[in-house]
Amino acid sequence: MLPEQTETITRVIFNIVKEHGPHTIVETWEPVKEVGLGGLTG
């Protein structure tokens, strides 16, 4: 994975938690999948 991809993924996850409060891994994973970040499997 390229550093740019890692940065994008980190930013998306941070924004989800920031906007919607604390989440479990599962509660965070659903919105991440909805955003459509390619290449993530788990």
PDB file of N, CA and C in Angstrom:
ATOM      1  N   MET A   1       0.847  -1.169   0.000  1.00  0.00           N
ATOM      2  CA  MET A   1       0.000   0.000   0.000  1.00  0.00           C
ATOM      3  C   MET A   1       0.900   1.242   0.000  1.00  0.00           C
ATOM      4  N   LEU A   2       0.556   2.192  -0.822  1.00  0.00           N
ATOM      5  CA  LEU A   2       1.328   3.429  -0.925  1.00  0.00           C
ATOM      6  C   LEU A   2       1.050   4.339   0.265  1.00  0.00           C
ATOM      7  N   PRO A   3       2.021   5.169   0.639  1.00  0.00           N
ATOM      8  CA  PRO A   3       1.807   6.094   1.763  1.00  0.00           C
ATOM      9  C   PRO A   3       0.587   6.996   1.563  1.00  0.00           C
ATOM     10  N   GLU A   4       0.327   7.400   0.323  1.00  0.00           N
ATOM     11  CA  GLU A   4      -0.829   8.253   0.045  1.00  0.00           C
ATOM     12  C   GLU A   4      -2.131   7.512   0.351  1.00  0.00           C
ATOM     13  N   GLN A   5      -2.177   6.224   0.035  1.00  0.00           N
ATOM     14  CA  GLN A   5      -3.364   5.427   0.318  1.00  0.00           C
ATOM     15  C   GLN A   5      -3.562   5.282   1.818  1.00  0.00           C
ATOM     16  N   THR A   6      -2.483   5.058   2.533  1.00  0.00           N
ATOM     17  CA  THR A   6      -2.551   4.934   3.982  1.00  0.00           C
ATOM     18  C   THR A   6      -3.061   6.229   4.599  1.00  0.00           C
ATOM     19  N   GLU A   7      -2.593   7.343   4.102  1.00  0.00           N
ATOM     20  CA  GLU A   7      -3.031   8.645   4.615  1.00  0.00           C
ATOM     21  C   GLU A   7      -4.517   8.864   4.350  1.00  0.00           C
ATOM     22  N   THR A   8      -4.984   8.505   3.175  1.00  0.00           N
ATOM     23  CA  THR A   8      -6.399   8.664   2.841  1.00  0.00           C
ATOM     24  C   THR A   8      -7.269   7.799   3.739  1.00  0.00           C
ATOM     25  N   ILE A   9      -6.882   6.553   3.922  1.00  0.00           N
ATOM     26  CA  ILE A   9      -7.637   5.636   4.769  1.00  0.00           C
ATOM     27  C   ILE A   9      -7.686   6.156   6.201  1.00  0.00           C
ATOM     28  N   THR A  10      -6.550   6.608   6.704  1.00  0.00           N
ATOM     29  CA  THR A  10      -6.484   7.146   8.061  1.00  0.00           C
ATOM     30  C   THR A  10      -7.390   8.353   8.208  1.00  0.00           C
ATOM     31  N   ARG A  11      -7.374   9.236   7.218  1.00  0.00           N
ATOM     32  CA  ARG A  11      -8.206  10.437   7.268  1.00  0.00           C
ATOM     33  C   ARG A  11      -9.690  10.080   7.271  1.00  0.00           C
ATOM     34  N   VAL A  12     -10.097   9.137   6.448  1.00  0.00           N
ATOM     35  CA  VAL A  12     -11.500   8.735   6.392  1.00  0.00           C
ATOM     36  C   VAL A  12     -11.948   8.150   7.728  1.00  0.00           C
ATOM     37  N   ILE A  13     -11.150   7.262   8.292  1.00  0.00           N
ATOM     38  CA  ILE A  13     -11.506   6.648   9.581  1.00  0.00           C
ATOM     39  C   ILE A  13     -11.559   7.714  10.668  1.00  0.00           C
ATOM     40  N   PHE A  14     -10.588   8.629  10.703  1.00  0.00           N
ATOM     41  CA  PHE A  14     -10.586   9.699  11.684  1.00  0.00           C
ATOM     42  C   PHE A  14     -11.850  10.539  11.563  1.00  0.00           C
ATOM     43  N   ASN A  15     -12.233  10.901  10.351  1.00  0.00           N
ATOM     44  CA  ASN A  15     -13.427  11.727  10.153  1.00  0.00           C
ATOM     45  C   ASN A  15     -14.697  11.019  10.595  1.00  0.00           C
ATOM     46  N   ILE A  16     -14.784   9.717  10.359  1.00  0.00           N
ATOM     47  CA  ILE A  16     -15.964   8.961  10.792  1.00  0.00           C
ATOM     48  C   ILE A  16     -16.075   8.999  12.309  1.00  0.00           C
ATOM     49  N   VAL A  17     -14.983   8.742  12.990  1.00  0.00           N
ATOM     50  CA  VAL A  17     -15.005   8.748  14.460  1.00  0.00           C
ATOM     51  C   VAL A  17     -15.263  10.166  14.976  1.00  0.00           C
ATOM     52  N   LYS A  18     -14.648  11.156  14.354  1.00  0.00           N
ATOM     53  CA  LYS A  18     -14.821  12.549  14.767  1.00  0.00           C
ATOM     54  C   LYS A  18     -16.277  12.989  14.630  1.00  0.00           C
ATOM     55  N   GLU A  19     -16.919  12.630  13.538  1.00  0.00           N
ATOM     56  CA  GLU A  19     -18.289  13.072  13.267  1.00  0.00           C
ATOM     57  C   GLU A  19     -19.332  12.278  14.037  1.00  0.00           C
ATOM     58  N   HIS A  20     -19.048  11.024  14.331  1.00  0.00           N
ATOM     59  CA  HIS A  20     -20.084  10.159  14.901  1.00  0.00           C
ATOM     60  C   HIS A  20     -19.746   9.627  16.284  1.00  0.00           C
ATOM     61  N   GLY A  21     -18.654  10.086  16.862  1.00  0.00           N
ATOM     62  CA  GLY A  21     -18.317   9.675  18.222  1.00  0.00           C
ATOM     63  C   GLY A  21     -17.625   8.334  18.267  1.00  0.00           C
ATOM     64  N   PRO A  22     -17.338   7.872  19.477  1.00  0.00           N
ATOM     65  CA  PRO A  22     -16.631   6.599  19.635  1.00  0.00           C
ATOM     66  C   PRO A  22     -17.415   5.437  19.019  1.00  0.00           C
ATOM     67  N   HIS A  23     -16.687   4.549  18.404  1.00  0.00           N
ATOM     68  CA  HIS A  23     -17.282   3.374  17.767  1.00  0.00           C
ATOM     69  C   HIS A  23     -16.461   2.140  18.111  1.00  0.00           C
ATOM     70  N   THR A  24     -17.119   1.008  17.992  1.00  0.00           N
ATOM     71  CA  THR A  24     -16.382  -0.246  17.993  1.00  0.00           C
ATOM     72  C   THR A  24     -15.771  -0.394  16.604  1.00  0.00           C
ATOM     73  N   ILE A  25     -14.934  -1.384  16.435  1.00  0.00           N
ATOM     74  CA  ILE A  25     -14.345  -1.644  15.113  1.00  0.00           C
ATOM     75  C   ILE A  25     -15.452  -1.897  14.088  1.00  0.00           C
ATOM     76  N   VAL A  26     -16.423  -2.714  14.439  1.00  0.00           N
ATOM     77  CA  VAL A  26     -17.516  -3.044  13.513  1.00  0.00           C
ATOM     78  C   VAL A  26     -18.318  -1.799  13.162  1.00  0.00           C
ATOM     79  N   GLU A  27     -18.610  -0.963  14.153  1.00  0.00           N
ATOM     80  CA  GLU A  27     -19.390   0.250  13.901  1.00  0.00           C
ATOM     81  C   GLU A  27     -18.632   1.236  13.020  1.00  0.00           C
ATOM     82  N   THR A  28     -17.328   1.210  13.060  1.00  0.00           N
ATOM     83  CA  THR A  28     -16.521   2.070  12.202  1.00  0.00           C
ATOM     84  C   THR A  28     -16.386   1.464  10.814  1.00  0.00           C
ATOM     85  N   TRP A  29     -16.283   0.157  10.740  1.00  0.00           N
ATOM     86  CA  TRP A  29     -16.034  -0.528   9.472  1.00  0.00           C
ATOM     87  C   TRP A  29     -17.172  -0.337   8.476  1.00  0.00           C
ATOM     88  N   GLU A  30     -18.430  -0.351   8.946  1.00  0.00           N
ATOM     89  CA  GLU A  30     -19.565  -0.205   8.025  1.00  0.00           C
ATOM     90  C   GLU A  30     -19.505   1.113   7.247  1.00  0.00           C
ATOM     91  N   PRO A  31     -19.339   2.266   7.903  1.00  0.00           N
ATOM     92  CA  PRO A  31     -19.219   3.514   7.131  1.00  0.00           C
ATOM     93  C   PRO A  31     -17.993   3.544   6.224  1.00  0.00           C
ATOM     94  N   VAL A  32     -16.893   2.917   6.656  1.00  0.00           N
ATOM     95  CA  VAL A  32     -15.698   2.877   5.808  1.00  0.00           C
ATOM     96  C   VAL A  32     -16.006   2.134   4.517  1.00  0.00           C
ATOM     97  N   LYS A  33     -16.717   1.018   4.615  1.00  0.00           N
ATOM     98  CA  LYS A  33     -17.084   0.266   3.409  1.00  0.00           C
ATOM     99  C   LYS A  33     -18.017   1.100   2.520  1.00  0.00           C
ATOM    100  N   GLU A  34     -18.929   1.868   3.144  1.00  0.00           N
ATOM    101  CA  GLU A  34     -19.865   2.692   2.378  1.00  0.00           C
ATOM    102  C   GLU A  34     -19.141   3.786   1.599  1.00  0.00           C
ATOM    103  N   VAL A  35     -18.027   4.292   2.150  1.00  0.00           N
ATOM    104  CA  VAL A  35     -17.251   5.304   1.461  1.00  0.00           C
ATOM    105  C   VAL A  35     -16.606   4.708   0.210  1.00  0.00           C
ATOM    106  N   GLY A  36     -16.385   3.403   0.227  1.00  0.00           N
ATOM    107  CA  GLY A  36     -15.849   2.730  -0.941  1.00  0.00           C
ATOM    108  C   GLY A  36     -14.346   2.790  -1.073  1.00  0.00           C
ATOM    109  N   LEU A  37     -13.652   2.698   0.037  1.00  0.00           N
ATOM    110  CA  LEU A  37     -12.188   2.683  -0.043  1.00  0.00           C
ATOM    111  C   LEU A  37     -11.763   1.330  -0.612  1.00  0.00           C
ATOM    112  N   GLY A  38     -11.268   1.355  -1.819  1.00  0.00           N
ATOM    113  CA  GLY A  38     -10.865   0.132  -2.496  1.00  0.00           C
ATOM    114  C   GLY A  38      -9.654  -0.524  -1.844  1.00  0.00           C
ATOM    115  N   GLY A  39      -9.626  -1.828  -1.925  1.00  0.00           N
ATOM    116  CA  GLY A  39      -8.472  -2.564  -1.447  1.00  0.00           C
ATOM    117  C   GLY A  39      -8.529  -2.960   0.008  1.00  0.00           C
ATOM    118  N   LEU A  40      -9.532  -2.504   0.726  1.00  0.00           N
ATOM    119  CA  LEU A  40      -9.636  -2.886   2.135  1.00  0.00           C
ATOM    120  C   LEU A  40     -10.504  -4.133   2.266  1.00  0.00           C
ATOM    121  N   THR A  41     -10.015  -5.074   3.033  1.00  0.00           N
ATOM    122  CA  THR A  41     -10.789  -6.309   3.221  1.00  0.00           C
ATOM    123  C   THR A  41     -11.115  -6.572   4.678  1.00  0.00           C
ATOM    124  N   GLY A  42     -10.495  -5.864   5.580  1.00  0.00           N
ATOM    125  CA  GLY A  42     -10.800  -6.089   6.988  1.00  0.00           C
ATOM    126  C   GLY A  42      -9.786  -5.450   7.878  1.00  0.00           C
TER     127      GLY A  42
END
